[in-house]
Amino acid sequence: APIPTTTETSGRFAFVDGEWSLGFAGTTVRTRDARGLQYLARLIETPQHELHVSDLVAAIQGSAGLSRSPADAGLRVIRAERGSESLDATARAQYGNRLDELRDELADAEARNDIGRRGRAQQEIALIEAELTSAFGLSGRARRSGDAVERARKAVTNRIRDSIRRIEEIHPRLGRHLKSSIRTGTYCAYEPELPISWER
């Protein structure tokens, strides 16, 4: 059997006061925020579990101040295979219905001068409109999803690799561990040789 590259059983990957606190093998360092670190943190939360790049991107975007993701709103998000249409007719109708509801809610919030409700409605409208534009484009014709997935794969892979390289510079042991444990591609995963308990 292969010999594990680390015998560590715990680590720290926490976002504190606008910076990341990274601890491993008795050493803790701090570094500025980056999207690649956010992706790494998400993967570390679910070891040995594959995440599609679309889900990974959506999870990070959803935690960056948007009120809800389309899935959170009960909408049917379609992750299509290469060459198939990004959203089917049912999903498109659901998005349209939800937009109508949100526009009514926005109008009511503006009439009542409810700043909180207005902001939440505006955020969700923007999120759904961005999803529709991504899937259908400005022409309204359904786009093929393969190119979008490939762009997401490249972007996520590059950001994760950049962050691991930066970690290697300031914390070589943690960098080596992540380099050997993180798998990128259309599906990404954190697959450590031994279970590690991460403080978040």
N, C-alpha and C. Protein backbone atom coordinates (compact mmCIF):
# COMPACT_ATOMS: atom_id res chain seq x y z
N ALA A 1 0.85 -1.18 0.00
CA ALA A 1 0.00 0.00 0.00
C ALA A 1 0.89 1.24 0.00
N PRO A 2 0.45 2.33 -0.69
CA PRO A 2 1.26 3.54 -0.69
C PRO A 2 1.37 4.15 0.69
N ILE A 3 2.51 4.76 0.98
CA ILE A 3 2.72 5.41 2.27
C ILE A 3 2.12 6.81 2.22
N PRO A 4 1.26 7.18 3.17
CA PRO A 4 0.66 8.52 3.15
C PRO A 4 1.73 9.60 3.18
N THR A 5 1.48 10.70 2.46
CA THR A 5 2.44 11.79 2.42
C THR A 5 2.36 12.66 3.67
N THR A 6 1.33 12.48 4.49
CA THR A 6 1.23 13.22 5.74
C THR A 6 0.53 12.34 6.78
N THR A 7 0.89 12.55 8.02
CA THR A 7 0.23 11.83 9.11
C THR A 7 -0.64 12.79 9.93
N GLU A 8 -0.80 14.02 9.43
CA GLU A 8 -1.61 15.00 10.15
C GLU A 8 -3.08 14.58 10.19
N THR A 9 -3.72 14.89 11.30
CA THR A 9 -5.14 14.54 11.44
C THR A 9 -6.03 15.77 11.60
N SER A 10 -5.44 16.95 11.67
CA SER A 10 -6.24 18.16 11.84
C SER A 10 -5.57 19.34 11.14
N GLY A 11 -6.37 20.35 10.86
CA GLY A 11 -5.87 21.55 10.22
C GLY A 11 -6.85 22.68 10.42
N ARG A 12 -6.50 23.83 9.90
CA ARG A 12 -7.37 25.00 10.03
C ARG A 12 -7.49 25.68 8.67
N PHE A 13 -8.71 25.96 8.26
CA PHE A 13 -8.96 26.65 7.00
C PHE A 13 -10.14 27.59 7.27
N ALA A 14 -9.85 28.74 7.87
CA ALA A 14 -10.90 29.61 8.38
C ALA A 14 -10.75 31.02 7.84
N PHE A 15 -11.88 31.65 7.54
CA PHE A 15 -11.90 33.03 7.09
C PHE A 15 -12.20 33.91 8.29
N VAL A 16 -11.20 34.70 8.71
CA VAL A 16 -11.30 35.49 9.94
C VAL A 16 -10.87 36.93 9.65
N ASP A 17 -11.75 37.87 9.98
CA ASP A 17 -11.42 39.29 9.85
C ASP A 17 -10.90 39.65 8.45
N GLY A 18 -11.55 39.10 7.43
CA GLY A 18 -11.20 39.46 6.06
C GLY A 18 -9.99 38.76 5.49
N GLU A 19 -9.43 37.79 6.22
CA GLU A 19 -8.27 37.03 5.75
C GLU A 19 -8.49 35.55 6.02
N TRP A 20 -7.70 34.73 5.34
CA TRP A 20 -7.75 33.29 5.59
C TRP A 20 -6.66 32.91 6.59
N SER A 21 -7.06 32.16 7.59
CA SER A 21 -6.12 31.61 8.57
C SER A 21 -5.95 30.13 8.24
N LEU A 22 -4.73 29.77 7.84
CA LEU A 22 -4.46 28.41 7.36
C LEU A 22 -3.47 27.73 8.29
N GLY A 23 -3.90 26.64 8.92
CA GLY A 23 -3.05 25.93 9.85
C GLY A 23 -2.89 24.48 9.47
N PHE A 24 -1.64 24.00 9.57
CA PHE A 24 -1.37 22.61 9.22
C PHE A 24 0.03 22.25 9.72
N ALA A 25 0.17 21.06 10.28
CA ALA A 25 1.48 20.55 10.73
C ALA A 25 2.17 21.52 11.69
N GLY A 26 1.39 22.11 12.59
CA GLY A 26 1.98 22.96 13.63
C GLY A 26 2.28 24.38 13.22
N THR A 27 1.96 24.76 11.99
CA THR A 27 2.23 26.12 11.51
C THR A 27 0.94 26.75 11.01
N THR A 28 0.72 28.00 11.39
CA THR A 28 -0.46 28.73 10.94
C THR A 28 -0.01 30.02 10.26
N VAL A 29 -0.60 30.29 9.11
CA VAL A 29 -0.29 31.51 8.36
C VAL A 29 -1.59 32.21 8.00
N ARG A 30 -1.49 33.46 7.60
CA ARG A 30 -2.65 34.23 7.16
C ARG A 30 -2.39 34.74 5.75
N THR A 31 -3.43 34.79 4.95
CA THR A 31 -3.29 35.26 3.59
C THR A 31 -4.57 35.94 3.13
N ARG A 32 -4.44 36.81 2.15
CA ARG A 32 -5.61 37.57 1.67
C ARG A 32 -6.60 36.64 0.95
N ASP A 33 -7.81 37.14 0.84
CA ASP A 33 -8.87 36.35 0.23
C ASP A 33 -8.63 36.20 -1.27
N ALA A 34 -9.12 35.11 -1.82
CA ALA A 34 -9.08 34.85 -3.26
C ALA A 34 -10.16 33.84 -3.58
N ARG A 35 -10.68 33.91 -4.79
CA ARG A 35 -11.74 32.98 -5.17
C ARG A 35 -11.27 31.53 -5.11
N GLY A 36 -10.00 31.29 -5.46
CA GLY A 36 -9.48 29.93 -5.38
C GLY A 36 -9.49 29.37 -3.98
N LEU A 37 -9.23 30.22 -2.98
CA LEU A 37 -9.29 29.78 -1.59
C LEU A 37 -10.72 29.46 -1.19
N GLN A 38 -11.67 30.22 -1.71
CA GLN A 38 -13.08 29.94 -1.43
C GLN A 38 -13.48 28.58 -2.02
N TYR A 39 -13.00 28.30 -3.22
CA TYR A 39 -13.28 26.98 -3.81
C TYR A 39 -12.65 25.87 -2.97
N LEU A 40 -11.41 26.07 -2.54
CA LEU A 40 -10.73 25.06 -1.72
C LEU A 40 -11.49 24.81 -0.43
N ALA A 41 -11.94 25.89 0.21
CA ALA A 41 -12.68 25.75 1.47
C ALA A 41 -13.95 24.93 1.26
N ARG A 42 -14.62 25.17 0.15
CA ARG A 42 -15.85 24.43 -0.13
C ARG A 42 -15.56 22.94 -0.34
N LEU A 43 -14.49 22.64 -1.05
CA LEU A 43 -14.15 21.24 -1.28
C LEU A 43 -13.74 20.55 0.01
N ILE A 44 -12.99 21.26 0.86
CA ILE A 44 -12.54 20.70 2.12
C ILE A 44 -13.72 20.37 3.04
N GLU A 45 -14.80 21.12 2.89
CA GLU A 45 -16.00 20.86 3.71
C GLU A 45 -16.59 19.48 3.43
N THR A 46 -16.39 18.99 2.21
CA THR A 46 -17.01 17.72 1.82
C THR A 46 -15.96 16.78 1.24
N PRO A 47 -15.07 16.24 2.08
CA PRO A 47 -14.01 15.36 1.55
C PRO A 47 -14.60 14.11 0.90
N GLN A 48 -13.87 13.62 -0.10
CA GLN A 48 -14.26 12.42 -0.83
C GLN A 48 -15.59 12.56 -1.55
N HIS A 49 -15.98 13.79 -1.82
CA HIS A 49 -17.27 14.04 -2.47
C HIS A 49 -17.04 14.90 -3.70
N GLU A 50 -17.49 14.44 -4.87
CA GLU A 50 -17.31 15.20 -6.10
C GLU A 50 -18.31 16.34 -6.20
N LEU A 51 -17.83 17.49 -6.65
CA LEU A 51 -18.70 18.63 -6.92
C LEU A 51 -18.51 19.05 -8.37
N HIS A 52 -19.62 19.16 -9.10
CA HIS A 52 -19.54 19.67 -10.46
C HIS A 52 -19.12 21.14 -10.41
N VAL A 53 -18.33 21.60 -11.38
CA VAL A 53 -17.84 22.98 -11.34
C VAL A 53 -19.00 23.98 -11.31
N SER A 54 -20.11 23.66 -11.97
CA SER A 54 -21.25 24.57 -11.95
C SER A 54 -21.81 24.72 -10.54
N ASP A 55 -21.88 23.59 -9.80
CA ASP A 55 -22.36 23.64 -8.43
C ASP A 55 -21.37 24.37 -7.53
N LEU A 56 -20.08 24.18 -7.78
CA LEU A 56 -19.05 24.83 -6.98
C LEU A 56 -19.12 26.34 -7.17
N VAL A 57 -19.23 26.78 -8.42
CA VAL A 57 -19.33 28.22 -8.69
C VAL A 57 -20.60 28.79 -8.07
N ALA A 58 -21.72 28.09 -8.23
CA ALA A 58 -22.99 28.56 -7.68
C ALA A 58 -22.94 28.67 -6.16
N ALA A 59 -22.28 27.70 -5.51
CA ALA A 59 -22.19 27.72 -4.05
C ALA A 59 -21.42 28.93 -3.56
N ILE A 60 -20.33 29.28 -4.25
CA ILE A 60 -19.53 30.42 -3.84
C ILE A 60 -20.26 31.73 -4.14
N GLN A 61 -20.89 31.82 -5.30
CA GLN A 61 -21.65 33.02 -5.63
C GLN A 61 -22.79 33.23 -4.65
N GLY A 62 -23.43 32.12 -4.25
CA GLY A 62 -24.55 32.22 -3.32
C GLY A 62 -24.14 32.70 -1.95
N SER A 63 -22.88 32.46 -1.57
CA SER A 63 -22.41 32.88 -0.25
C SER A 63 -21.80 34.26 -0.27
N ALA A 64 -21.79 34.92 -1.45
CA ALA A 64 -21.11 36.20 -1.57
C ALA A 64 -22.08 37.37 -1.52
N GLY A 65 -23.22 37.17 -0.83
CA GLY A 65 -24.12 38.29 -0.61
C GLY A 65 -25.42 38.22 -1.39
N LEU A 66 -25.55 37.27 -2.32
CA LEU A 66 -26.82 37.13 -3.02
C LEU A 66 -27.82 36.45 -2.09
N SER A 67 -29.07 36.85 -2.20
CA SER A 67 -30.05 36.36 -1.23
C SER A 67 -30.28 34.87 -1.36
N ARG A 68 -30.47 34.38 -2.58
CA ARG A 68 -30.72 32.96 -2.76
C ARG A 68 -30.23 32.55 -4.14
N SER A 69 -29.87 31.30 -4.26
CA SER A 69 -29.55 30.77 -5.58
C SER A 69 -30.84 30.32 -6.24
N PRO A 70 -30.84 30.09 -7.56
CA PRO A 70 -32.06 29.58 -8.19
C PRO A 70 -32.56 28.30 -7.55
N ALA A 71 -31.65 27.41 -7.17
CA ALA A 71 -32.06 26.16 -6.54
C ALA A 71 -32.72 26.43 -5.19
N ASP A 72 -32.15 27.41 -4.42
CA ASP A 72 -32.74 27.74 -3.13
C ASP A 72 -34.17 28.26 -3.31
N ALA A 73 -34.42 28.92 -4.42
CA ALA A 73 -35.74 29.48 -4.67
C ALA A 73 -36.73 28.43 -5.17
N GLY A 74 -36.28 27.17 -5.24
CA GLY A 74 -37.16 26.10 -5.67
C GLY A 74 -37.22 25.95 -7.18
N LEU A 75 -36.29 26.58 -7.87
CA LEU A 75 -36.28 26.49 -9.32
C LEU A 75 -35.47 25.30 -9.77
N ARG A 76 -35.82 24.80 -10.92
CA ARG A 76 -35.15 23.62 -11.45
C ARG A 76 -33.95 24.05 -12.27
N VAL A 77 -32.76 23.85 -11.73
CA VAL A 77 -31.55 24.22 -12.44
C VAL A 77 -31.07 23.01 -13.24
N ILE A 78 -30.84 23.21 -14.52
CA ILE A 78 -30.44 22.11 -15.38
C ILE A 78 -28.94 22.19 -15.63
N ARG A 79 -28.21 21.14 -15.24
CA ARG A 79 -26.79 21.05 -15.59
C ARG A 79 -26.71 20.09 -16.76
N ALA A 80 -26.68 20.63 -17.96
CA ALA A 80 -26.78 19.80 -19.15
C ALA A 80 -25.43 19.23 -19.54
N GLU A 81 -25.48 18.13 -20.26
CA GLU A 81 -24.26 17.54 -20.79
C GLU A 81 -23.82 18.32 -22.03
N ARG A 82 -22.58 18.09 -22.44
CA ARG A 82 -22.04 18.81 -23.60
C ARG A 82 -22.97 18.66 -24.80
N GLY A 83 -23.27 19.81 -25.40
CA GLY A 83 -24.06 19.80 -26.62
C GLY A 83 -25.56 19.86 -26.40
N SER A 84 -26.03 19.70 -25.17
CA SER A 84 -27.47 19.77 -24.94
C SER A 84 -27.83 21.18 -24.50
N GLU A 85 -29.12 21.48 -24.50
CA GLU A 85 -29.52 22.83 -24.15
C GLU A 85 -29.38 23.06 -22.66
N SER A 86 -29.00 24.32 -22.30
CA SER A 86 -28.68 24.63 -20.92
C SER A 86 -29.88 24.52 -20.00
N LEU A 87 -31.03 24.99 -20.43
CA LEU A 87 -32.24 24.93 -19.61
C LEU A 87 -33.38 24.40 -20.48
N ASP A 88 -34.18 23.51 -19.91
CA ASP A 88 -35.30 23.01 -20.71
C ASP A 88 -36.49 23.95 -20.57
N ALA A 89 -37.56 23.65 -21.30
CA ALA A 89 -38.71 24.55 -21.33
C ALA A 89 -39.36 24.70 -19.96
N THR A 90 -39.40 23.60 -19.19
CA THR A 90 -40.00 23.66 -17.86
C THR A 90 -39.23 24.60 -16.96
N ALA A 91 -37.89 24.48 -17.00
CA ALA A 91 -37.06 25.35 -16.16
C ALA A 91 -37.25 26.80 -16.57
N ARG A 92 -37.29 27.05 -17.86
CA ARG A 92 -37.44 28.43 -18.33
C ARG A 92 -38.77 29.03 -17.83
N ALA A 93 -39.83 28.22 -17.88
CA ALA A 93 -41.14 28.69 -17.40
C ALA A 93 -41.09 28.99 -15.90
N GLN A 94 -40.39 28.14 -15.14
CA GLN A 94 -40.28 28.36 -13.70
C GLN A 94 -39.54 29.66 -13.40
N TYR A 95 -38.47 29.90 -14.15
CA TYR A 95 -37.75 31.15 -13.97
C TYR A 95 -38.66 32.34 -14.26
N GLY A 96 -39.42 32.24 -15.37
CA GLY A 96 -40.29 33.34 -15.73
C GLY A 96 -41.34 33.61 -14.66
N ASN A 97 -41.93 32.54 -14.12
CA ASN A 97 -42.94 32.70 -13.07
C ASN A 97 -42.34 33.34 -11.82
N ARG A 98 -41.13 32.89 -11.47
CA ARG A 98 -40.49 33.45 -10.28
C ARG A 98 -40.14 34.92 -10.49
N LEU A 99 -39.74 35.28 -11.71
CA LEU A 99 -39.44 36.69 -11.99
C LEU A 99 -40.69 37.54 -11.83
N ASP A 100 -41.83 37.04 -12.30
CA ASP A 100 -43.09 37.78 -12.15
C ASP A 100 -43.40 38.00 -10.67
N GLU A 101 -43.22 36.95 -9.85
CA GLU A 101 -43.47 37.06 -8.41
C GLU A 101 -42.55 38.10 -7.78
N LEU A 102 -41.28 38.05 -8.17
CA LEU A 102 -40.30 38.96 -7.59
C LEU A 102 -40.56 40.41 -7.98
N ARG A 103 -40.99 40.62 -9.22
CA ARG A 103 -41.28 41.99 -9.66
C ARG A 103 -42.48 42.56 -8.90
N ASP A 104 -43.47 41.71 -8.64
CA ASP A 104 -44.60 42.15 -7.81
C ASP A 104 -44.14 42.48 -6.40
N GLU A 105 -43.27 41.62 -5.87
CA GLU A 105 -42.76 41.84 -4.52
C GLU A 105 -41.93 43.13 -4.46
N LEU A 106 -41.14 43.36 -5.51
CA LEU A 106 -40.33 44.57 -5.56
C LEU A 106 -41.20 45.82 -5.59
N ALA A 107 -42.26 45.78 -6.40
CA ALA A 107 -43.16 46.93 -6.49
C ALA A 107 -43.82 47.20 -5.14
N ASP A 108 -44.23 46.12 -4.45
CA ASP A 108 -44.86 46.29 -3.13
C ASP A 108 -43.86 46.85 -2.12
N ALA A 109 -42.64 46.34 -2.16
CA ALA A 109 -41.61 46.82 -1.23
C ALA A 109 -41.30 48.29 -1.46
N GLU A 110 -41.25 48.70 -2.74
CA GLU A 110 -40.99 50.11 -3.04
C GLU A 110 -42.14 50.98 -2.57
N ALA A 111 -43.36 50.48 -2.74
CA ALA A 111 -44.53 51.25 -2.31
C ALA A 111 -44.55 51.44 -0.79
N ARG A 112 -44.04 50.43 -0.08
CA ARG A 112 -44.01 50.48 1.39
C ARG A 112 -42.69 51.04 1.93
N ASN A 113 -41.80 51.39 1.00
CA ASN A 113 -40.48 51.88 1.38
C ASN A 113 -39.74 50.90 2.28
N ASP A 114 -39.88 49.60 1.95
CA ASP A 114 -39.22 48.54 2.70
C ASP A 114 -37.87 48.24 2.03
N ILE A 115 -36.82 48.86 2.54
CA ILE A 115 -35.51 48.79 1.89
C ILE A 115 -34.96 47.36 1.89
N GLY A 116 -35.16 46.63 2.99
CA GLY A 116 -34.65 45.26 3.09
C GLY A 116 -35.27 44.34 2.06
N ARG A 117 -36.62 44.35 1.99
CA ARG A 117 -37.31 43.49 1.01
C ARG A 117 -36.96 43.89 -0.41
N ARG A 118 -36.87 45.19 -0.64
CA ARG A 118 -36.53 45.66 -1.98
C ARG A 118 -35.15 45.16 -2.40
N GLY A 119 -34.17 45.23 -1.50
CA GLY A 119 -32.82 44.78 -1.82
C GLY A 119 -32.77 43.29 -2.10
N ARG A 120 -33.49 42.50 -1.28
CA ARG A 120 -33.50 41.05 -1.50
C ARG A 120 -34.14 40.69 -2.83
N ALA A 121 -35.24 41.36 -3.15
CA ALA A 121 -35.91 41.08 -4.42
C ALA A 121 -35.02 41.47 -5.61
N GLN A 122 -34.36 42.61 -5.50
CA GLN A 122 -33.48 43.04 -6.59
C GLN A 122 -32.33 42.07 -6.79
N GLN A 123 -31.78 41.56 -5.69
CA GLN A 123 -30.67 40.61 -5.79
C GLN A 123 -31.10 39.33 -6.49
N GLU A 124 -32.28 38.83 -6.09
CA GLU A 124 -32.72 37.56 -6.70
C GLU A 124 -33.11 37.75 -8.16
N ILE A 125 -33.71 38.90 -8.48
CA ILE A 125 -34.02 39.19 -9.88
C ILE A 125 -32.74 39.21 -10.71
N ALA A 126 -31.70 39.87 -10.20
CA ALA A 126 -30.43 39.95 -10.92
C ALA A 126 -29.82 38.57 -11.12
N LEU A 127 -29.92 37.72 -10.10
CA LEU A 127 -29.36 36.38 -10.18
C LEU A 127 -30.08 35.55 -11.24
N ILE A 128 -31.41 35.59 -11.24
CA ILE A 128 -32.18 34.80 -12.20
C ILE A 128 -31.97 35.33 -13.62
N GLU A 129 -31.94 36.66 -13.77
CA GLU A 129 -31.72 37.22 -15.11
C GLU A 129 -30.35 36.83 -15.64
N ALA A 130 -29.35 36.78 -14.76
CA ALA A 130 -28.00 36.36 -15.19
C ALA A 130 -28.02 34.90 -15.62
N GLU A 131 -28.76 34.07 -14.90
CA GLU A 131 -28.86 32.65 -15.25
C GLU A 131 -29.54 32.48 -16.61
N LEU A 132 -30.61 33.25 -16.83
CA LEU A 132 -31.31 33.16 -18.10
C LEU A 132 -30.45 33.66 -19.26
N THR A 133 -29.72 34.75 -19.03
CA THR A 133 -28.84 35.27 -20.07
C THR A 133 -27.75 34.27 -20.41
N SER A 134 -27.22 33.62 -19.37
CA SER A 134 -26.19 32.61 -19.59
C SER A 134 -26.72 31.45 -20.41
N ALA A 135 -27.95 31.05 -20.12
CA ALA A 135 -28.52 29.88 -20.79
C ALA A 135 -29.06 30.19 -22.17
N PHE A 136 -29.66 31.39 -22.34
CA PHE A 136 -30.36 31.69 -23.58
C PHE A 136 -29.75 32.81 -24.39
N GLY A 137 -28.90 33.65 -23.77
CA GLY A 137 -28.33 34.76 -24.51
C GLY A 137 -29.35 35.86 -24.73
N LEU A 138 -28.91 36.97 -25.30
CA LEU A 138 -29.79 38.11 -25.50
C LEU A 138 -30.83 37.84 -26.58
N SER A 139 -30.55 36.88 -27.47
CA SER A 139 -31.49 36.58 -28.55
C SER A 139 -32.67 35.76 -28.09
N GLY A 140 -32.56 35.16 -26.91
CA GLY A 140 -33.64 34.31 -26.41
C GLY A 140 -33.54 32.88 -26.88
N ARG A 141 -32.55 32.57 -27.70
CA ARG A 141 -32.37 31.19 -28.16
C ARG A 141 -31.53 30.41 -27.16
N ALA A 142 -31.94 29.17 -26.93
CA ALA A 142 -31.22 28.35 -25.95
C ALA A 142 -29.78 28.13 -26.41
N ARG A 143 -28.85 28.36 -25.51
CA ARG A 143 -27.46 28.11 -25.80
C ARG A 143 -27.10 26.67 -25.46
N ARG A 144 -26.07 26.18 -26.08
CA ARG A 144 -25.54 24.88 -25.70
C ARG A 144 -24.67 25.05 -24.47
N SER A 145 -24.73 24.09 -23.58
CA SER A 145 -24.08 24.26 -22.27
C SER A 145 -22.62 23.87 -22.26
N GLY A 146 -22.16 23.11 -23.26
CA GLY A 146 -20.80 22.60 -23.21
C GLY A 146 -19.75 23.68 -23.05
N ASP A 147 -19.90 24.77 -23.81
CA ASP A 147 -18.92 25.85 -23.74
C ASP A 147 -18.92 26.51 -22.37
N ALA A 148 -20.10 26.71 -21.79
CA ALA A 148 -20.18 27.34 -20.47
C ALA A 148 -19.53 26.47 -19.41
N VAL A 149 -19.77 25.17 -19.48
CA VAL A 149 -19.15 24.25 -18.51
C VAL A 149 -17.64 24.24 -18.68
N GLU A 150 -17.19 24.25 -19.92
CA GLU A 150 -15.75 24.25 -20.17
C GLU A 150 -15.10 25.54 -19.65
N ARG A 151 -15.76 26.66 -19.83
CA ARG A 151 -15.22 27.92 -19.30
C ARG A 151 -15.16 27.87 -17.78
N ALA A 152 -16.21 27.33 -17.16
CA ALA A 152 -16.20 27.22 -15.70
C ALA A 152 -15.10 26.28 -15.23
N ARG A 153 -14.91 25.17 -15.96
CA ARG A 153 -13.86 24.21 -15.58
C ARG A 153 -12.49 24.88 -15.61
N LYS A 154 -12.22 25.61 -16.67
CA LYS A 154 -10.92 26.27 -16.79
C LYS A 154 -10.73 27.33 -15.71
N ALA A 155 -11.77 28.13 -15.48
CA ALA A 155 -11.65 29.19 -14.49
C ALA A 155 -11.44 28.63 -13.08
N VAL A 156 -12.23 27.63 -12.71
CA VAL A 156 -12.11 27.04 -11.38
C VAL A 156 -10.74 26.37 -11.22
N THR A 157 -10.34 25.61 -12.21
CA THR A 157 -9.04 24.92 -12.15
C THR A 157 -7.90 25.92 -11.99
N ASN A 158 -7.91 26.98 -12.79
CA ASN A 158 -6.84 27.96 -12.72
C ASN A 158 -6.79 28.67 -11.38
N ARG A 159 -7.95 29.02 -10.84
CA ARG A 159 -7.97 29.73 -9.56
C ARG A 159 -7.54 28.82 -8.41
N ILE A 160 -7.96 27.58 -8.45
CA ILE A 160 -7.53 26.65 -7.41
C ILE A 160 -6.02 26.44 -7.48
N ARG A 161 -5.50 26.23 -8.68
CA ARG A 161 -4.05 26.01 -8.81
C ARG A 161 -3.25 27.24 -8.39
N ASP A 162 -3.74 28.42 -8.75
CA ASP A 162 -3.06 29.65 -8.33
C ASP A 162 -3.01 29.76 -6.81
N SER A 163 -4.13 29.43 -6.16
CA SER A 163 -4.18 29.53 -4.69
C SER A 163 -3.28 28.48 -4.04
N ILE A 164 -3.24 27.28 -4.59
CA ILE A 164 -2.35 26.27 -4.03
C ILE A 164 -0.90 26.69 -4.19
N ARG A 165 -0.55 27.28 -5.33
CA ARG A 165 0.82 27.78 -5.51
C ARG A 165 1.15 28.86 -4.49
N ARG A 166 0.18 29.74 -4.23
CA ARG A 166 0.42 30.81 -3.25
C ARG A 166 0.58 30.22 -1.85
N ILE A 167 -0.24 29.20 -1.54
CA ILE A 167 -0.11 28.55 -0.23
C ILE A 167 1.25 27.88 -0.11
N GLU A 168 1.71 27.24 -1.17
CA GLU A 168 3.02 26.58 -1.14
C GLU A 168 4.14 27.56 -0.79
N GLU A 169 4.01 28.80 -1.23
CA GLU A 169 5.05 29.80 -0.96
C GLU A 169 5.12 30.17 0.51
N ILE A 170 3.96 30.19 1.18
CA ILE A 170 3.95 30.63 2.58
C ILE A 170 3.80 29.49 3.57
N HIS A 171 3.32 28.34 3.10
CA HIS A 171 3.13 27.18 3.97
C HIS A 171 3.37 25.92 3.13
N PRO A 172 4.65 25.55 2.90
CA PRO A 172 4.97 24.46 1.97
C PRO A 172 4.26 23.15 2.28
N ARG A 173 4.16 22.77 3.56
CA ARG A 173 3.55 21.47 3.87
C ARG A 173 2.07 21.44 3.53
N LEU A 174 1.38 22.52 3.83
CA LEU A 174 -0.04 22.58 3.48
C LEU A 174 -0.19 22.62 1.97
N GLY A 175 0.65 23.37 1.30
CA GLY A 175 0.59 23.42 -0.16
C GLY A 175 0.78 22.05 -0.78
N ARG A 176 1.76 21.29 -0.28
CA ARG A 176 2.00 19.95 -0.82
C ARG A 176 0.81 19.03 -0.55
N HIS A 177 0.23 19.17 0.65
CA HIS A 177 -0.94 18.34 0.97
C HIS A 177 -2.09 18.62 0.02
N LEU A 178 -2.36 19.91 -0.21
CA LEU A 178 -3.47 20.25 -1.09
C LEU A 178 -3.19 19.84 -2.52
N LYS A 179 -1.96 20.00 -2.95
CA LYS A 179 -1.60 19.63 -4.33
C LYS A 179 -1.84 18.14 -4.57
N SER A 180 -1.58 17.32 -3.56
CA SER A 180 -1.75 15.87 -3.73
C SER A 180 -3.18 15.41 -3.45
N SER A 181 -4.00 16.28 -2.84
CA SER A 181 -5.33 15.85 -2.40
C SER A 181 -6.48 16.45 -3.19
N ILE A 182 -6.24 17.55 -3.88
CA ILE A 182 -7.30 18.23 -4.63
C ILE A 182 -7.30 17.76 -6.08
N ARG A 183 -8.47 17.34 -6.54
CA ARG A 183 -8.63 16.94 -7.93
C ARG A 183 -9.54 17.95 -8.62
N THR A 184 -9.07 18.48 -9.75
CA THR A 184 -9.87 19.44 -10.50
C THR A 184 -10.30 18.84 -11.83
N GLY A 185 -11.24 19.51 -12.46
CA GLY A 185 -11.78 19.03 -13.72
C GLY A 185 -13.24 19.45 -13.79
N THR A 186 -14.02 18.80 -14.61
CA THR A 186 -15.46 19.09 -14.63
C THR A 186 -16.07 18.77 -13.28
N TYR A 187 -15.55 17.74 -12.64
CA TYR A 187 -15.90 17.42 -11.25
C TYR A 187 -14.65 17.61 -10.41
N CYS A 188 -14.79 18.31 -9.29
CA CYS A 188 -13.67 18.58 -8.39
C CYS A 188 -13.90 17.85 -7.07
N ALA A 189 -12.82 17.55 -6.37
CA ALA A 189 -12.96 16.83 -5.10
C ALA A 189 -11.70 17.03 -4.25
N TYR A 190 -11.90 16.93 -2.94
CA TYR A 190 -10.80 16.88 -1.98
C TYR A 190 -10.72 15.44 -1.49
N GLU A 191 -9.59 14.78 -1.81
CA GLU A 191 -9.45 13.36 -1.53
C GLU A 191 -8.14 13.09 -0.77
N PRO A 192 -8.12 13.43 0.53
CA PRO A 192 -6.91 13.18 1.32
C PRO A 192 -6.69 11.69 1.55
N GLU A 193 -5.44 11.31 1.71
CA GLU A 193 -5.13 9.90 1.96
C GLU A 193 -5.64 9.45 3.32
N LEU A 194 -5.59 10.35 4.30
CA LEU A 194 -6.10 10.07 5.64
C LEU A 194 -7.15 11.13 6.00
N PRO A 195 -8.17 10.77 6.77
CA PRO A 195 -9.17 11.77 7.18
C PRO A 195 -8.52 12.89 7.99
N ILE A 196 -8.88 14.12 7.68
CA ILE A 196 -8.37 15.29 8.39
C ILE A 196 -9.54 16.12 8.87
N SER A 197 -9.50 16.49 10.14
CA SER A 197 -10.54 17.33 10.72
C SER A 197 -10.11 18.79 10.59
N TRP A 198 -10.89 19.56 9.83
CA TRP A 198 -10.54 20.95 9.57
C TRP A 198 -11.36 21.90 10.46
N GLU A 199 -10.68 22.81 11.10
CA GLU A 199 -11.34 23.86 11.86
C GLU A 199 -11.74 24.94 10.87
N ARG A 200 -13.03 25.33 10.91
CA ARG A 200 -13.54 26.32 9.96
C ARG A 200 -13.96 27.58 10.69
